[in-house]
Amino acid sequence: MDQLTFTKTIKTDGGEDLVLTRVTDDAADANTLRAQGWAEAKPAQKEDPTPTLPAPPASTQRNN
């Protein structure tokens, strides 16, 4: 099982929001966290590199 990241936002006594984060690779632990109100964080999207075209053949290049 891949590692899953869970987050939960709580309020401190001072009224500030505090974000807690838990990482687990245990399925039972993941189910327990979900049942306790933890939200599963979405994995970051990996940006695919912009595809580039190969250079045209030398025979099609102009000689300057």
PDB file of N, CA and C in Angstrom:
ATOM      1  N   MET A   1       0.850  -1.180   0.000  1.00  0.00           N
ATOM      2  CA  MET A   1       0.000   0.000   0.000  1.00  0.00           C
ATOM      3  C   MET A   1       0.892   1.239   0.000  1.00  0.00           C
ATOM      4  N   ASP A   2       0.542   2.201  -0.820  1.00  0.00           N
ATOM      5  CA  ASP A   2       1.271   3.469  -0.852  1.00  0.00           C
ATOM      6  C   ASP A   2       1.000   4.242   0.423  1.00  0.00           C
ATOM      7  N   GLN A   3       1.888   5.176   0.712  1.00  0.00           N
ATOM      8  CA  GLN A   3       1.671   6.015   1.882  1.00  0.00           C
ATOM      9  C   GLN A   3       0.553   7.005   1.605  1.00  0.00           C
ATOM     10  N   LEU A   4      -0.338   7.144   2.557  1.00  0.00           N
ATOM     11  CA  LEU A   4      -1.447   8.085   2.466  1.00  0.00           C
ATOM     12  C   LEU A   4      -1.218   9.195   3.476  1.00  0.00           C
ATOM     13  N   THR A   5      -1.588  10.410   3.093  1.00  0.00           N
ATOM     14  CA  THR A   5      -1.454  11.562   3.973  1.00  0.00           C
ATOM     15  C   THR A   5      -2.843  12.048   4.350  1.00  0.00           C
ATOM     16  N   PHE A   6      -3.039  12.267   5.639  1.00  0.00           N
ATOM     17  CA  PHE A   6      -4.315  12.746   6.158  1.00  0.00           C
ATOM     18  C   PHE A   6      -4.091  14.065   6.881  1.00  0.00           C
ATOM     19  N   THR A   7      -5.076  14.951   6.789  1.00  0.00           N
ATOM     20  CA  THR A   7      -4.997  16.231   7.490  1.00  0.00           C
ATOM     21  C   THR A   7      -6.272  16.455   8.287  1.00  0.00           C
ATOM     22  N   LYS A   8      -6.127  17.235   9.340  1.00  0.00           N
ATOM     23  CA  LYS A   8      -7.274  17.603  10.170  1.00  0.00           C
ATOM     24  C   LYS A   8      -6.987  18.988  10.734  1.00  0.00           C
ATOM     25  N   THR A   9      -7.953  19.890  10.626  1.00  0.00           N
ATOM     26  CA  THR A   9      -7.796  21.252  11.134  1.00  0.00           C
ATOM     27  C   THR A   9      -8.540  21.368  12.459  1.00  0.00           C
ATOM     28  N   ILE A  10      -7.824  21.853  13.470  1.00  0.00           N
ATOM     29  CA  ILE A  10      -8.438  22.053  14.783  1.00  0.00           C
ATOM     30  C   ILE A  10      -8.230  23.498  15.205  1.00  0.00           C
ATOM     31  N   LYS A  11      -9.040  23.946  16.159  1.00  0.00           N
ATOM     32  CA  LYS A  11      -8.898  25.299  16.711  1.00  0.00           C
ATOM     33  C   LYS A  11      -8.182  25.204  18.050  1.00  0.00           C
ATOM     34  N   THR A  12      -7.200  26.084  18.248  1.00  0.00           N
ATOM     35  CA  THR A  12      -6.506  26.140  19.528  1.00  0.00           C
ATOM     36  C   THR A  12      -7.344  26.934  20.522  1.00  0.00           C
ATOM     37  N   ASP A  13      -6.929  26.937  21.768  1.00  0.00           N
ATOM     38  CA  ASP A  13      -7.634  27.722  22.791  1.00  0.00           C
ATOM     39  C   ASP A  13      -7.614  29.205  22.456  1.00  0.00           C
ATOM     40  N   GLY A  14      -6.585  29.646  21.718  1.00  0.00           N
ATOM     41  CA  GLY A  14      -6.475  31.048  21.321  1.00  0.00           C
ATOM     42  C   GLY A  14      -7.304  31.389  20.097  1.00  0.00           C
ATOM     43  N   GLY A  15      -8.001  30.408  19.523  1.00  0.00           N
ATOM     44  CA  GLY A  15      -8.851  30.651  18.364  1.00  0.00           C
ATOM     45  C   GLY A  15      -8.143  30.520  17.028  1.00  0.00           C
ATOM     46  N   GLU A  16      -6.883  30.107  17.037  1.00  0.00           N
ATOM     47  CA  GLU A  16      -6.132  29.944  15.786  1.00  0.00           C
ATOM     48  C   GLU A  16      -6.375  28.550  15.219  1.00  0.00           C
ATOM     49  N   ASP A  17      -6.366  28.456  13.888  1.00  0.00           N
ATOM     50  CA  ASP A  17      -6.490  27.157  13.232  1.00  0.00           C
ATOM     51  C   ASP A  17      -5.126  26.478  13.210  1.00  0.00           C
ATOM     52  N   LEU A  18      -5.116  25.192  13.494  1.00  0.00           N
ATOM     53  CA  LEU A  18      -3.897  24.401  13.479  1.00  0.00           C
ATOM     54  C   LEU A  18      -4.157  23.186  12.598  1.00  0.00           C
ATOM     55  N   VAL A  19      -3.312  22.967  11.604  1.00  0.00           N
ATOM     56  CA  VAL A  19      -3.483  21.843  10.691  1.00  0.00           C
ATOM     57  C   VAL A  19      -2.566  20.710  11.136  1.00  0.00           C
ATOM     58  N   LEU A  20      -3.173  19.577  11.447  1.00  0.00           N
ATOM     59  CA  LEU A  20      -2.424  18.387  11.834  1.00  0.00           C
ATOM     60  C   LEU A  20      -2.279  17.495  10.611  1.00  0.00           C
ATOM     61  N   THR A  21      -1.165  16.804  10.501  1.00  0.00           N
ATOM     62  CA  THR A  21      -0.909  15.926   9.363  1.00  0.00           C
ATOM     63  C   THR A  21      -0.440  14.572   9.868  1.00  0.00           C
ATOM     64  N   ARG A  22      -0.994  13.512   9.300  1.00  0.00           N
ATOM     65  CA  ARG A  22      -0.571  12.151   9.621  1.00  0.00           C
ATOM     66  C   ARG A  22      -0.287  11.428   8.317  1.00  0.00           C
ATOM     67  N   VAL A  23       0.772  10.630   8.304  1.00  0.00           N
ATOM     68  CA  VAL A  23       1.128   9.821   7.141  1.00  0.00           C
ATOM     69  C   VAL A  23       1.155   8.366   7.591  1.00  0.00           C
ATOM     70  N   THR A  24       0.507   7.497   6.820  1.00  0.00           N
ATOM     71  CA  THR A  24       0.468   6.079   7.173  1.00  0.00           C
ATOM     72  C   THR A  24       0.477   5.227   5.912  1.00  0.00           C
ATOM     73  N   ASP A  25       0.964   4.004   6.063  1.00  0.00           N
ATOM     74  CA  ASP A  25       0.877   3.041   4.964  1.00  0.00           C
ATOM     75  C   ASP A  25       0.077   1.812   5.408  1.00  0.00           C
ATOM     76  N   ASP A  26      -0.558   1.917   6.576  1.00  0.00           N
ATOM     77  CA  ASP A  26      -1.350   0.833   7.128  1.00  0.00           C
ATOM     78  C   ASP A  26      -2.831   1.055   6.805  1.00  0.00           C
ATOM     79  N   ALA A  27      -3.450   0.080   6.154  1.00  0.00           N
ATOM     80  CA  ALA A  27      -4.849   0.221   5.733  1.00  0.00           C
ATOM     81  C   ALA A  27      -5.789   0.372   6.927  1.00  0.00           C
ATOM     82  N   ALA A  28      -5.546  -0.376   7.996  1.00  0.00           N
ATOM     83  CA  ALA A  28      -6.414  -0.280   9.174  1.00  0.00           C
ATOM     84  C   ALA A  28      -6.295   1.099   9.815  1.00  0.00           C
ATOM     85  N   ASP A  29      -5.083   1.621   9.881  1.00  0.00           N
ATOM     86  CA  ASP A  29      -4.867   2.959  10.437  1.00  0.00           C
ATOM     87  C   ASP A  29      -5.557   4.008   9.567  1.00  0.00           C
ATOM     88  N   ALA A  30      -5.483   3.840   8.246  1.00  0.00           N
ATOM     89  CA  ALA A  30      -6.130   4.782   7.326  1.00  0.00           C
ATOM     90  C   ALA A  30      -7.643   4.783   7.543  1.00  0.00           C
ATOM     91  N   ASN A  31      -8.237   3.608   7.715  1.00  0.00           N
ATOM     92  CA  ASN A  31      -9.684   3.528   7.961  1.00  0.00           C
ATOM     93  C   ASN A  31     -10.050   4.183   9.286  1.00  0.00           C
ATOM     94  N   THR A  32      -9.221   3.996  10.301  1.00  0.00           N
ATOM     95  CA  THR A  32      -9.474   4.619  11.603  1.00  0.00           C
ATOM     96  C   THR A  32      -9.421   6.133  11.490  1.00  0.00           C
ATOM     97  N   LEU A  33      -8.427   6.652  10.764  1.00  0.00           N
ATOM     98  CA  LEU A  33      -8.313   8.099  10.594  1.00  0.00           C
ATOM     99  C   LEU A  33      -9.530   8.657   9.861  1.00  0.00           C
ATOM    100  N   ARG A  34      -9.978   7.966   8.818  1.00  0.00           N
ATOM    101  CA  ARG A  34     -11.173   8.414   8.087  1.00  0.00           C
ATOM    102  C   ARG A  34     -12.390   8.449   9.019  1.00  0.00           C
ATOM    103  N   ALA A  35     -12.538   7.423   9.850  1.00  0.00           N
ATOM    104  CA  ALA A  35     -13.676   7.349  10.768  1.00  0.00           C
ATOM    105  C   ALA A  35     -13.623   8.457  11.818  1.00  0.00           C
ATOM    106  N   GLN A  36     -12.422   8.937  12.131  1.00  0.00           N
ATOM    107  CA  GLN A  36     -12.260   9.988  13.134  1.00  0.00           C
ATOM    108  C   GLN A  36     -12.329  11.387  12.538  1.00  0.00           C
ATOM    109  N   GLY A  37     -12.650  11.479  11.243  1.00  0.00           N
ATOM    110  CA  GLY A  37     -12.846  12.789  10.633  1.00  0.00           C
ATOM    111  C   GLY A  37     -11.629  13.380   9.951  1.00  0.00           C
ATOM    112  N   TRP A  38     -10.580  12.601   9.784  1.00  0.00           N
ATOM    113  CA  TRP A  38      -9.400  13.091   9.072  1.00  0.00           C
ATOM    114  C   TRP A  38      -9.695  13.065   7.575  1.00  0.00           C
ATOM    115  N   ALA A  39      -9.207  14.072   6.858  1.00  0.00           N
ATOM    116  CA  ALA A  39      -9.421  14.154   5.409  1.00  0.00           C
ATOM    117  C   ALA A  39      -8.170  13.651   4.702  1.00  0.00           C
ATOM    118  N   GLU A  40      -8.390  12.831   3.695  1.00  0.00           N
ATOM    119  CA  GLU A  40      -7.257  12.317   2.929  1.00  0.00           C
ATOM    120  C   GLU A  40      -6.764  13.406   1.984  1.00  0.00           C
ATOM    121  N   ALA A  41      -5.492  13.739   2.103  1.00  0.00           N
ATOM    122  CA  ALA A  41      -4.903  14.765   1.241  1.00  0.00           C
ATOM    123  C   ALA A  41      -4.669  14.165  -0.138  1.00  0.00           C
ATOM    124  N   LYS A  42      -4.967  14.945  -1.148  1.00  0.00           N
ATOM    125  CA  LYS A  42      -4.751  14.493  -2.517  1.00  0.00           C
ATOM    126  C   LYS A  42      -3.263  14.590  -2.840  1.00  0.00           C
ATOM    127  N   PRO A  43      -2.726  13.566  -3.491  1.00  0.00           N
ATOM    128  CA  PRO A  43      -1.311  13.649  -3.855  1.00  0.00           C
ATOM    129  C   PRO A  43      -1.064  14.794  -4.827  1.00  0.00           C
ATOM    130  N   ALA A  44       0.075  15.396  -4.707  1.00  0.00           N
ATOM    131  CA  ALA A  44       0.424  16.511  -5.595  1.00  0.00           C
ATOM    132  C   ALA A  44       0.498  16.008  -7.032  1.00  0.00           C
ATOM    133  N   GLN A  45      -0.072  16.783  -7.925  1.00  0.00           N
ATOM    134  CA  GLN A  45      -0.032  16.432  -9.339  1.00  0.00           C
ATOM    135  C   GLN A  45       1.365  16.690  -9.881  1.00  0.00           C
ATOM    136  N   LYS A  46       1.932  15.676 -10.476  1.00  0.00           N
ATOM    137  CA  LYS A  46       3.240  15.855 -11.096  1.00  0.00           C
ATOM    138  C   LYS A  46       3.023  16.473 -12.469  1.00  0.00           C
ATOM    139  N   GLU A  47       3.726  17.552 -12.716  1.00  0.00           N
ATOM    140  CA  GLU A  47       3.588  18.207 -14.012  1.00  0.00           C
ATOM    141  C   GLU A  47       4.419  17.452 -15.038  1.00  0.00           C
ATOM    142  N   ASP A  48       3.762  17.068 -16.122  1.00  0.00           N
ATOM    143  CA  ASP A  48       4.489  16.411 -17.193  1.00  0.00           C
ATOM    144  C   ASP A  48       5.299  17.455 -17.926  1.00  0.00           C
ATOM    145  N   PRO A  49       6.535  17.132 -18.242  1.00  0.00           N
ATOM    146  CA  PRO A  49       7.314  18.105 -18.998  1.00  0.00           C
ATOM    147  C   PRO A  49       6.666  18.339 -20.362  1.00  0.00           C
ATOM    148  N   THR A  50       6.764  19.547 -20.837  1.00  0.00           N
ATOM    149  CA  THR A  50       6.179  19.884 -22.127  1.00  0.00           C
ATOM    150  C   THR A  50       6.893  19.080 -23.210  1.00  0.00           C
ATOM    151  N   PRO A  51       6.134  18.334 -23.998  1.00  0.00           N
ATOM    152  CA  PRO A  51       6.787  17.551 -25.047  1.00  0.00           C
ATOM    153  C   PRO A  51       7.392  18.469 -26.107  1.00  0.00           C
ATOM    154  N   THR A  52       8.513  18.071 -26.605  1.00  0.00           N
ATOM    155  CA  THR A  52       9.166  18.836 -27.663  1.00  0.00           C
ATOM    156  C   THR A  52       9.305  17.953 -28.889  1.00  0.00           C
ATOM    157  N   LEU A  53       9.356  18.586 -30.011  1.00  0.00           N
ATOM    158  CA  LEU A  53       9.518  17.849 -31.257  1.00  0.00           C
ATOM    159  C   LEU A  53      11.000  17.619 -31.512  1.00  0.00           C
ATOM    160  N   PRO A  54      11.326  16.499 -32.137  1.00  0.00           N
ATOM    161  CA  PRO A  54      12.734  16.271 -32.464  1.00  0.00           C
ATOM    162  C   PRO A  54      13.174  17.241 -33.562  1.00  0.00           C
ATOM    163  N   ALA A  55      14.466  17.459 -33.644  1.00  0.00           N
ATOM    164  CA  ALA A  55      15.004  18.342 -34.684  1.00  0.00           C
ATOM    165  C   ALA A  55      14.727  17.717 -36.051  1.00  0.00           C
ATOM    166  N   PRO A  56      14.414  18.548 -37.047  1.00  0.00           N
ATOM    167  CA  PRO A  56      14.175  18.000 -38.384  1.00  0.00           C
ATOM    168  C   PRO A  56      15.468  17.419 -38.959  1.00  0.00           C
ATOM    169  N   PRO A  57      15.345  16.513 -39.902  1.00  0.00           N
ATOM    170  CA  PRO A  57      16.541  15.912 -40.501  1.00  0.00           C
ATOM    171  C   PRO A  57      17.432  16.985 -41.138  1.00  0.00           C
ATOM    172  N   ALA A  58      18.725  16.736 -41.109  1.00  0.00           N
ATOM    173  CA  ALA A  58      19.691  17.690 -41.658  1.00  0.00           C
ATOM    174  C   ALA A  58      19.436  17.943 -43.142  1.00  0.00           C
ATOM    175  N   SER A  59      18.902  16.961 -43.847  1.00  0.00           N
ATOM    176  CA  SER A  59      18.678  17.127 -45.283  1.00  0.00           C
ATOM    177  C   SER A  59      17.614  18.184 -45.574  1.00  0.00           C
ATOM    178  N   THR A  60      16.792  18.528 -44.591  1.00  0.00           N
ATOM    179  CA  THR A  60      15.758  19.538 -44.808  1.00  0.00           C
ATOM    180  C   THR A  60      16.198  20.926 -44.354  1.00  0.00           C
ATOM    181  N   GLN A  61      17.392  21.034 -43.786  1.00  0.00           N
ATOM    182  CA  GLN A  61      17.897  22.314 -43.296  1.00  0.00           C
ATOM    183  C   GLN A  61      18.534  23.097 -44.434  1.00  0.00           C
ATOM    184  N   ARG A  62      18.339  24.421 -44.408  1.00  0.00           N
ATOM    185  CA  ARG A  62      18.973  25.278 -45.408  1.00  0.00           C
ATOM    186  C   ARG A  62      20.420  25.526 -45.013  1.00  0.00           C
ATOM    187  N   ASN A  63      21.275  25.583 -45.987  1.00  0.00           N
ATOM    188  CA  ASN A  63      22.677  25.923 -45.738  1.00  0.00           C
ATOM    189  C   ASN A  63      22.830  27.422 -45.887  1.00  0.00           C
ATOM    190  N   ASN A  64      23.312  28.108 -44.889  1.00  0.00           N
ATOM    191  CA  ASN A  64      23.513  29.557 -44.960  1.00  0.00           C
ATOM    192  C   ASN A  64      24.946  29.872 -45.215  1.00  0.00           C
TER     193      ASN A  64
END
